[in-house]
Amino acid sequence: MDEIIKKLKLKTELYRACWQFIEEKSANTESLMRSYQQDLQSESKSSAGDKHETGRAMLHLEMEKAAQQYAVIQKMKSLLEKMDLSRPHVQVKLGSLVTTDRGHYFISISAGPISFGGQEYFAVSPSSPVGALLLGQQKGSRVYLGDKKITVLGVE
């Protein structure tokens, strides 16, 4: 029973780290969008001509990129909201903690490596190459990522 509680706490900490990752990205993107909006307003008050139009067009493009980033962040939030950490998993699915001979994976969002308790875990999206390979697998399964064999040692 202690092992189950320990794994649940670990998954909860990884989940929190994913939320923190999203909150930081969201704050940075919102700040960037505000900055572009201010730049656009000051650009419209400046001189006219080709230079002015080019500057406005570039700002619009940057704002569109930031808006796309923000949409990705919203999808990540939605994915995290769907996760159920309360149940142990036998097969890899959203919210699983997967131990392999190549590392530890938390199937959640693409947040990269997360260090916790002296161990490194990779937060990966189910749609990432390794996440997609691991989905549906169980302890003892083997998958191949290119020419690298990955053996699933455990699923929580």
N, C-alpha and C. Protein backbone atom coordinates (compact mmCIF):
# COMPACT_ATOMS: atom_id res chain seq x y z
N MET A 1 0.82 -1.20 0.00
CA MET A 1 0.00 0.00 0.00
C MET A 1 0.87 1.26 0.00
N ASP A 2 1.97 1.22 0.75
CA ASP A 2 2.87 2.36 0.80
C ASP A 2 3.42 2.70 -0.59
N GLU A 3 3.69 1.65 -1.37
CA GLU A 3 4.23 1.85 -2.72
C GLU A 3 3.20 2.57 -3.60
N ILE A 4 1.93 2.23 -3.47
CA ILE A 4 0.87 2.87 -4.26
C ILE A 4 0.77 4.35 -3.88
N ILE A 5 0.81 4.65 -2.59
CA ILE A 5 0.74 6.04 -2.13
C ILE A 5 1.95 6.82 -2.61
N LYS A 6 3.12 6.18 -2.55
CA LYS A 6 4.36 6.81 -3.02
C LYS A 6 4.27 7.16 -4.51
N LYS A 7 3.77 6.24 -5.32
CA LYS A 7 3.63 6.48 -6.76
C LYS A 7 2.59 7.56 -7.04
N LEU A 8 1.50 7.58 -6.27
CA LEU A 8 0.48 8.61 -6.44
C LEU A 8 1.05 9.98 -6.11
N LYS A 9 1.84 10.07 -5.06
CA LYS A 9 2.48 11.34 -4.71
C LYS A 9 3.43 11.79 -5.81
N LEU A 10 4.19 10.85 -6.35
CA LEU A 10 5.11 11.16 -7.44
C LEU A 10 4.35 11.68 -8.66
N LYS A 11 3.29 10.99 -9.04
CA LYS A 11 2.49 11.43 -10.19
C LYS A 11 1.88 12.81 -9.93
N THR A 12 1.46 13.05 -8.69
CA THR A 12 0.90 14.36 -8.34
C THR A 12 1.95 15.45 -8.47
N GLU A 13 3.17 15.18 -8.04
CA GLU A 13 4.25 16.17 -8.17
C GLU A 13 4.59 16.43 -9.63
N LEU A 14 4.61 15.39 -10.44
CA LEU A 14 4.88 15.56 -11.87
C LEU A 14 3.76 16.35 -12.53
N TYR A 15 2.54 16.07 -12.12
CA TYR A 15 1.37 16.79 -12.62
C TYR A 15 1.47 18.28 -12.28
N ARG A 16 1.85 18.57 -11.05
CA ARG A 16 2.04 19.97 -10.63
C ARG A 16 3.13 20.65 -11.45
N ALA A 17 4.21 19.94 -11.69
CA ALA A 17 5.31 20.50 -12.49
C ALA A 17 4.82 20.81 -13.91
N CYS A 18 3.96 19.98 -14.46
CA CYS A 18 3.39 20.24 -15.79
C CYS A 18 2.53 21.49 -15.77
N TRP A 19 1.73 21.65 -14.70
CA TRP A 19 0.90 22.85 -14.58
C TRP A 19 1.76 24.09 -14.45
N GLN A 20 2.84 23.99 -13.70
CA GLN A 20 3.75 25.12 -13.54
C GLN A 20 4.38 25.48 -14.89
N PHE A 21 4.76 24.47 -15.65
CA PHE A 21 5.30 24.68 -16.99
C PHE A 21 4.31 25.45 -17.86
N ILE A 22 3.05 25.03 -17.82
CA ILE A 22 2.00 25.69 -18.60
C ILE A 22 1.78 27.12 -18.12
N GLU A 23 1.72 27.31 -16.83
CA GLU A 23 1.49 28.65 -16.30
C GLU A 23 2.61 29.62 -16.70
N GLU A 24 3.85 29.14 -16.67
CA GLU A 24 4.97 29.98 -17.09
C GLU A 24 4.88 30.31 -18.58
N LYS A 25 4.62 29.30 -19.40
CA LYS A 25 4.49 29.53 -20.84
C LYS A 25 3.33 30.48 -21.14
N SER A 26 2.23 30.30 -20.43
CA SER A 26 1.05 31.14 -20.62
C SER A 26 1.36 32.59 -20.25
N ALA A 27 2.00 32.79 -19.10
CA ALA A 27 2.34 34.15 -18.66
C ALA A 27 3.31 34.81 -19.65
N ASN A 28 4.30 34.06 -20.12
CA ASN A 28 5.26 34.61 -21.09
C ASN A 28 4.57 34.99 -22.40
N THR A 29 3.69 34.12 -22.86
CA THR A 29 3.00 34.38 -24.12
C THR A 29 2.05 35.57 -23.99
N GLU A 30 1.33 35.65 -22.88
CA GLU A 30 0.43 36.78 -22.66
C GLU A 30 1.21 38.09 -22.59
N SER A 31 2.35 38.07 -21.92
CA SER A 31 3.21 39.25 -21.83
C SER A 31 3.71 39.66 -23.21
N LEU A 32 4.11 38.69 -23.99
CA LEU A 32 4.57 38.95 -25.35
C LEU A 32 3.46 39.55 -26.20
N MET A 33 2.26 39.03 -26.08
CA MET A 33 1.13 39.55 -26.85
C MET A 33 0.82 40.99 -26.45
N ARG A 34 0.87 41.28 -25.14
CA ARG A 34 0.64 42.66 -24.68
C ARG A 34 1.72 43.60 -25.23
N SER A 35 2.94 43.13 -25.21
CA SER A 35 4.06 43.93 -25.72
C SER A 35 3.88 44.23 -27.21
N TYR A 36 3.49 43.22 -27.97
CA TYR A 36 3.25 43.43 -29.40
C TYR A 36 2.10 44.41 -29.63
N GLN A 37 1.07 44.30 -28.80
CA GLN A 37 -0.07 45.21 -28.93
C GLN A 37 0.36 46.64 -28.66
N GLN A 38 1.18 46.83 -27.63
CA GLN A 38 1.68 48.17 -27.33
C GLN A 38 2.58 48.68 -28.47
N ASP A 39 3.42 47.82 -28.99
CA ASP A 39 4.29 48.20 -30.10
C ASP A 39 3.46 48.58 -31.32
N LEU A 40 2.39 47.84 -31.54
CA LEU A 40 1.53 48.12 -32.68
C LEU A 40 0.85 49.47 -32.53
N GLN A 41 0.40 49.76 -31.30
CA GLN A 41 -0.23 51.06 -31.06
C GLN A 41 0.77 52.20 -31.23
N SER A 42 1.99 52.03 -30.75
CA SER A 42 2.98 53.11 -30.92
C SER A 42 3.42 53.21 -32.37
N GLU A 43 3.42 52.10 -33.08
CA GLU A 43 3.79 52.10 -34.51
C GLU A 43 2.75 52.88 -35.31
N SER A 44 1.49 52.76 -34.92
CA SER A 44 0.45 53.46 -35.67
C SER A 44 0.49 54.96 -35.42
N LYS A 45 1.17 55.37 -34.33
CA LYS A 45 1.30 56.80 -34.04
C LYS A 45 2.55 57.40 -34.69
N SER A 46 3.41 56.52 -35.21
CA SER A 46 4.65 57.02 -35.80
C SER A 46 4.45 57.39 -37.27
N SER A 47 5.55 57.53 -37.96
CA SER A 47 5.52 58.02 -39.35
C SER A 47 4.81 57.06 -40.29
N ALA A 48 4.38 57.59 -41.41
CA ALA A 48 3.72 56.78 -42.42
C ALA A 48 4.74 56.36 -43.46
N GLY A 49 4.30 55.57 -44.42
CA GLY A 49 5.18 55.17 -45.51
C GLY A 49 5.46 53.68 -45.47
N ASP A 50 6.37 53.26 -46.37
CA ASP A 50 6.68 51.84 -46.51
C ASP A 50 7.27 51.25 -45.23
N LYS A 51 8.15 51.99 -44.58
CA LYS A 51 8.78 51.51 -43.35
C LYS A 51 7.71 51.26 -42.28
N HIS A 52 6.78 52.18 -42.20
CA HIS A 52 5.67 52.07 -41.25
C HIS A 52 4.83 50.83 -41.54
N GLU A 53 4.48 50.62 -42.79
CA GLU A 53 3.65 49.47 -43.16
C GLU A 53 4.38 48.15 -42.93
N THR A 54 5.67 48.12 -43.22
CA THR A 54 6.47 46.91 -43.00
C THR A 54 6.52 46.59 -41.51
N GLY A 55 6.74 47.61 -40.70
CA GLY A 55 6.77 47.42 -39.25
C GLY A 55 5.47 46.87 -38.72
N ARG A 56 4.36 47.42 -39.19
CA ARG A 56 3.03 46.94 -38.76
C ARG A 56 2.80 45.50 -39.20
N ALA A 57 3.20 45.19 -40.43
CA ALA A 57 3.01 43.83 -40.94
C ALA A 57 3.82 42.83 -40.11
N MET A 58 5.05 43.20 -39.77
CA MET A 58 5.89 42.31 -38.96
C MET A 58 5.28 42.10 -37.57
N LEU A 59 4.76 43.15 -36.99
CA LEU A 59 4.13 43.03 -35.67
C LEU A 59 2.89 42.13 -35.74
N HIS A 60 2.13 42.27 -36.82
CA HIS A 60 0.95 41.40 -36.99
C HIS A 60 1.37 39.93 -37.08
N LEU A 61 2.44 39.66 -37.82
CA LEU A 61 2.92 38.28 -37.94
C LEU A 61 3.36 37.74 -36.58
N GLU A 62 4.06 38.55 -35.81
CA GLU A 62 4.51 38.11 -34.49
C GLU A 62 3.32 37.88 -33.56
N MET A 63 2.30 38.72 -33.67
CA MET A 63 1.10 38.54 -32.86
C MET A 63 0.39 37.24 -33.24
N GLU A 64 0.35 36.91 -34.52
CA GLU A 64 -0.27 35.67 -34.96
C GLU A 64 0.48 34.46 -34.41
N LYS A 65 1.82 34.53 -34.43
CA LYS A 65 2.62 33.43 -33.88
C LYS A 65 2.34 33.26 -32.39
N ALA A 66 2.28 34.38 -31.67
CA ALA A 66 2.00 34.32 -30.23
C ALA A 66 0.60 33.76 -29.98
N ALA A 67 -0.35 34.12 -30.81
CA ALA A 67 -1.71 33.60 -30.67
C ALA A 67 -1.74 32.09 -30.90
N GLN A 68 -0.95 31.62 -31.85
CA GLN A 68 -0.86 30.18 -32.10
C GLN A 68 -0.24 29.46 -30.90
N GLN A 69 0.80 30.06 -30.33
CA GLN A 69 1.42 29.49 -29.13
C GLN A 69 0.40 29.43 -27.99
N TYR A 70 -0.39 30.47 -27.87
CA TYR A 70 -1.40 30.52 -26.81
C TYR A 70 -2.45 29.42 -27.02
N ALA A 71 -2.82 29.17 -28.26
CA ALA A 71 -3.78 28.11 -28.56
C ALA A 71 -3.21 26.74 -28.17
N VAL A 72 -1.92 26.52 -28.42
CA VAL A 72 -1.28 25.27 -28.03
C VAL A 72 -1.29 25.12 -26.51
N ILE A 73 -1.04 26.21 -25.81
CA ILE A 73 -1.05 26.20 -24.35
C ILE A 73 -2.45 25.83 -23.84
N GLN A 74 -3.47 26.36 -24.47
CA GLN A 74 -4.85 26.05 -24.07
C GLN A 74 -5.15 24.57 -24.28
N LYS A 75 -4.63 23.98 -25.37
CA LYS A 75 -4.82 22.54 -25.61
C LYS A 75 -4.11 21.73 -24.54
N MET A 76 -2.92 22.19 -24.13
CA MET A 76 -2.19 21.50 -23.07
C MET A 76 -2.98 21.53 -21.77
N LYS A 77 -3.56 22.68 -21.46
CA LYS A 77 -4.37 22.80 -20.25
C LYS A 77 -5.53 21.82 -20.30
N SER A 78 -6.18 21.76 -21.42
CA SER A 78 -7.33 20.87 -21.59
C SER A 78 -6.91 19.40 -21.40
N LEU A 79 -5.76 19.05 -21.92
CA LEU A 79 -5.26 17.68 -21.78
C LEU A 79 -4.99 17.35 -20.31
N LEU A 80 -4.36 18.27 -19.60
CA LEU A 80 -4.08 18.03 -18.18
C LEU A 80 -5.36 17.92 -17.36
N GLU A 81 -6.37 18.70 -17.73
CA GLU A 81 -7.64 18.65 -17.01
C GLU A 81 -8.34 17.30 -17.15
N LYS A 82 -8.03 16.56 -18.22
CA LYS A 82 -8.65 15.26 -18.47
C LYS A 82 -7.97 14.12 -17.72
N MET A 83 -6.82 14.40 -17.14
CA MET A 83 -6.05 13.34 -16.50
C MET A 83 -6.67 12.88 -15.19
N ASP A 84 -6.63 11.57 -14.97
CA ASP A 84 -7.08 10.98 -13.72
C ASP A 84 -5.90 10.26 -13.11
N LEU A 85 -5.35 10.83 -12.05
CA LEU A 85 -4.18 10.24 -11.41
C LEU A 85 -4.55 9.27 -10.29
N SER A 86 -5.82 9.20 -9.94
CA SER A 86 -6.24 8.44 -8.76
C SER A 86 -6.17 6.93 -8.95
N ARG A 87 -6.18 6.46 -10.17
CA ARG A 87 -6.19 5.01 -10.42
C ARG A 87 -4.86 4.55 -10.98
N PRO A 88 -4.38 3.41 -10.49
CA PRO A 88 -3.17 2.85 -11.11
C PRO A 88 -3.50 2.32 -12.51
N HIS A 89 -2.55 2.36 -13.38
CA HIS A 89 -2.76 1.93 -14.76
C HIS A 89 -2.03 0.61 -15.01
N VAL A 90 -2.66 -0.24 -15.79
CA VAL A 90 -2.02 -1.49 -16.24
C VAL A 90 -1.47 -1.26 -17.63
N GLN A 91 -2.22 -0.53 -18.45
CA GLN A 91 -1.77 -0.16 -19.79
C GLN A 91 -1.45 1.32 -19.80
N VAL A 92 -0.49 1.70 -20.63
CA VAL A 92 -0.08 3.10 -20.72
C VAL A 92 -1.20 3.91 -21.35
N LYS A 93 -1.56 4.99 -20.65
CA LYS A 93 -2.54 5.94 -21.16
C LYS A 93 -2.24 7.31 -20.56
N LEU A 94 -3.03 8.30 -20.89
CA LEU A 94 -2.84 9.64 -20.35
C LEU A 94 -2.80 9.57 -18.83
N GLY A 95 -1.75 10.13 -18.23
CA GLY A 95 -1.59 10.13 -16.79
C GLY A 95 -0.72 8.99 -16.27
N SER A 96 -0.26 8.11 -17.16
CA SER A 96 0.57 6.99 -16.73
C SER A 96 2.00 7.43 -16.44
N LEU A 97 2.59 6.78 -15.47
CA LEU A 97 4.01 6.90 -15.19
C LEU A 97 4.62 5.60 -15.70
N VAL A 98 5.50 5.72 -16.68
CA VAL A 98 6.04 4.55 -17.35
C VAL A 98 7.54 4.46 -17.09
N THR A 99 7.96 3.32 -16.56
CA THR A 99 9.38 3.06 -16.35
C THR A 99 9.85 2.14 -17.46
N THR A 100 10.90 2.56 -18.16
CA THR A 100 11.47 1.74 -19.24
C THR A 100 12.96 1.56 -18.99
N ASP A 101 13.57 0.75 -19.82
CA ASP A 101 15.02 0.58 -19.72
C ASP A 101 15.76 1.79 -20.30
N ARG A 102 15.02 2.75 -20.86
CA ARG A 102 15.60 3.97 -21.44
C ARG A 102 15.26 5.22 -20.62
N GLY A 103 14.49 5.07 -19.55
CA GLY A 103 14.13 6.23 -18.74
C GLY A 103 12.71 6.13 -18.21
N HIS A 104 12.33 7.18 -17.53
CA HIS A 104 11.00 7.27 -16.92
C HIS A 104 10.18 8.32 -17.68
N TYR A 105 8.94 7.98 -18.02
CA TYR A 105 8.08 8.88 -18.79
C TYR A 105 6.77 9.11 -18.05
N PHE A 106 6.34 10.36 -18.07
CA PHE A 106 5.03 10.73 -17.54
C PHE A 106 4.21 11.15 -18.75
N ILE A 107 3.19 10.38 -19.08
CA ILE A 107 2.38 10.63 -20.27
C ILE A 107 1.39 11.74 -19.92
N SER A 108 1.68 12.93 -20.42
CA SER A 108 0.90 14.10 -20.04
C SER A 108 0.96 15.15 -21.15
N ILE A 109 1.87 16.10 -21.00
CA ILE A 109 2.10 17.13 -22.01
C ILE A 109 3.59 17.15 -22.31
N SER A 110 3.96 17.75 -23.41
CA SER A 110 5.38 17.85 -23.74
C SER A 110 6.01 18.99 -22.95
N ALA A 111 6.46 18.65 -21.74
CA ALA A 111 7.07 19.64 -20.86
C ALA A 111 8.56 19.36 -20.67
N GLY A 112 9.05 18.31 -21.29
CA GLY A 112 10.47 18.00 -21.19
C GLY A 112 10.82 17.31 -19.90
N PRO A 113 12.11 17.34 -19.54
CA PRO A 113 12.56 16.64 -18.34
C PRO A 113 12.14 17.36 -17.06
N ILE A 114 11.76 16.56 -16.07
CA ILE A 114 11.39 17.07 -14.75
C ILE A 114 12.18 16.25 -13.74
N SER A 115 12.95 16.92 -12.90
CA SER A 115 13.71 16.23 -11.86
C SER A 115 12.91 16.23 -10.58
N PHE A 116 12.85 15.05 -9.97
CA PHE A 116 12.14 14.93 -8.69
C PHE A 116 12.74 13.77 -7.92
N GLY A 117 13.08 14.03 -6.68
CA GLY A 117 13.61 12.99 -5.82
C GLY A 117 14.89 12.36 -6.35
N GLY A 118 15.72 13.16 -7.00
CA GLY A 118 16.98 12.65 -7.52
C GLY A 118 16.83 11.84 -8.80
N GLN A 119 15.65 11.82 -9.37
CA GLN A 119 15.37 11.06 -10.59
C GLN A 119 14.87 12.01 -11.67
N GLU A 120 15.15 11.68 -12.92
CA GLU A 120 14.66 12.50 -14.02
C GLU A 120 13.52 11.77 -14.73
N TYR A 121 12.44 12.51 -14.95
CA TYR A 121 11.26 12.00 -15.64
C TYR A 121 11.03 12.87 -16.87
N PHE A 122 10.58 12.26 -17.94
CA PHE A 122 10.28 13.02 -19.15
C PHE A 122 8.77 13.14 -19.30
N ALA A 123 8.28 14.36 -19.23
CA ALA A 123 6.86 14.61 -19.45
C ALA A 123 6.67 14.67 -20.96
N VAL A 124 5.94 13.70 -21.50
CA VAL A 124 5.74 13.62 -22.95
C VAL A 124 4.25 13.55 -23.27
N SER A 125 3.91 14.13 -24.37
CA SER A 125 2.53 14.11 -24.86
C SER A 125 2.23 12.73 -25.45
N PRO A 126 0.98 12.29 -25.36
CA PRO A 126 0.61 11.03 -26.00
C PRO A 126 0.76 11.08 -27.53
N SER A 127 0.83 12.29 -28.08
CA SER A 127 0.99 12.41 -29.53
C SER A 127 2.45 12.58 -29.95
N SER A 128 3.37 12.63 -28.97
CA SER A 128 4.79 12.71 -29.30
C SER A 128 5.23 11.33 -29.81
N PRO A 129 6.36 11.26 -30.51
CA PRO A 129 6.79 9.95 -31.03
C PRO A 129 6.90 8.87 -29.95
N VAL A 130 7.57 9.15 -28.84
CA VAL A 130 7.72 8.14 -27.80
C VAL A 130 6.39 7.92 -27.07
N GLY A 131 5.63 8.98 -26.85
CA GLY A 131 4.33 8.84 -26.20
C GLY A 131 3.38 7.98 -27.00
N ALA A 132 3.34 8.20 -28.30
CA ALA A 132 2.46 7.41 -29.17
C ALA A 132 2.88 5.94 -29.18
N LEU A 133 4.18 5.68 -29.15
CA LEU A 133 4.66 4.29 -29.11
C LEU A 133 4.28 3.58 -27.81
N LEU A 134 4.34 4.33 -26.72
CA LEU A 134 4.08 3.73 -25.41
C LEU A 134 2.60 3.53 -25.12
N LEU A 135 1.73 4.33 -25.74
CA LEU A 135 0.29 4.21 -25.48
C LEU A 135 -0.19 2.78 -25.70
N GLY A 136 -0.94 2.28 -24.73
CA GLY A 136 -1.52 0.94 -24.85
C GLY A 136 -0.57 -0.18 -24.45
N GLN A 137 0.70 0.12 -24.21
CA GLN A 137 1.66 -0.91 -23.84
C GLN A 137 1.50 -1.28 -22.36
N GLN A 138 2.06 -2.41 -21.99
CA GLN A 138 2.02 -2.84 -20.60
C GLN A 138 3.40 -3.33 -20.18
N LYS A 139 3.53 -3.64 -18.92
CA LYS A 139 4.79 -4.13 -18.40
C LYS A 139 5.25 -5.31 -19.24
N GLY A 140 6.53 -5.27 -19.66
CA GLY A 140 7.09 -6.35 -20.48
C GLY A 140 7.03 -6.08 -21.97
N SER A 141 6.24 -5.09 -22.39
CA SER A 141 6.14 -4.77 -23.82
C SER A 141 7.46 -4.20 -24.33
N ARG A 142 7.69 -4.41 -25.62
CA ARG A 142 8.86 -3.82 -26.27
C ARG A 142 8.39 -3.04 -27.49
N VAL A 143 8.94 -1.84 -27.63
CA VAL A 143 8.63 -1.01 -28.79
C VAL A 143 9.95 -0.51 -29.36
N TYR A 144 9.90 -0.04 -30.58
CA TYR A 144 11.10 0.46 -31.24
C TYR A 144 10.91 1.90 -31.66
N LEU A 145 11.84 2.74 -31.27
CA LEU A 145 11.88 4.13 -31.69
C LEU A 145 13.10 4.23 -32.61
N GLY A 146 12.82 4.18 -33.91
CA GLY A 146 13.92 4.07 -34.87
C GLY A 146 14.57 2.71 -34.67
N ASP A 147 15.86 2.70 -34.43
CA ASP A 147 16.56 1.43 -34.21
C ASP A 147 16.78 1.13 -32.73
N LYS A 148 16.18 1.95 -31.86
CA LYS A 148 16.35 1.76 -30.41
C LYS A 148 15.17 1.01 -29.83
N LYS A 149 15.50 -0.12 -29.19
CA LYS A 149 14.47 -0.91 -28.53
C LYS A 149 14.20 -0.31 -27.15
N ILE A 150 12.92 -0.19 -26.79
CA ILE A 150 12.52 0.30 -25.48
C ILE A 150 11.67 -0.78 -24.83
N THR A 151 12.07 -1.22 -23.65
CA THR A 151 11.33 -2.25 -22.92
C THR A 151 10.61 -1.57 -21.75
N VAL A 152 9.31 -1.80 -21.66
CA VAL A 152 8.50 -1.25 -20.56
C VAL A 152 8.72 -2.13 -19.33
N LEU A 153 9.26 -1.52 -18.28
CA LEU A 153 9.54 -2.23 -17.04
C LEU A 153 8.41 -2.10 -16.02
N GLY A 154 7.61 -1.03 -16.16
CA GLY A 154 6.50 -0.83 -15.23
C GLY A 154 5.58 0.27 -15.69
N VAL A 155 4.31 0.16 -15.33
CA VAL A 155 3.29 1.16 -15.65
C VAL A 155 2.52 1.45 -14.37
N GLU A 156 2.44 2.71 -14.02
CA GLU A 156 1.70 3.12 -12.81
C GLU A 156 0.58 4.05 -13.22
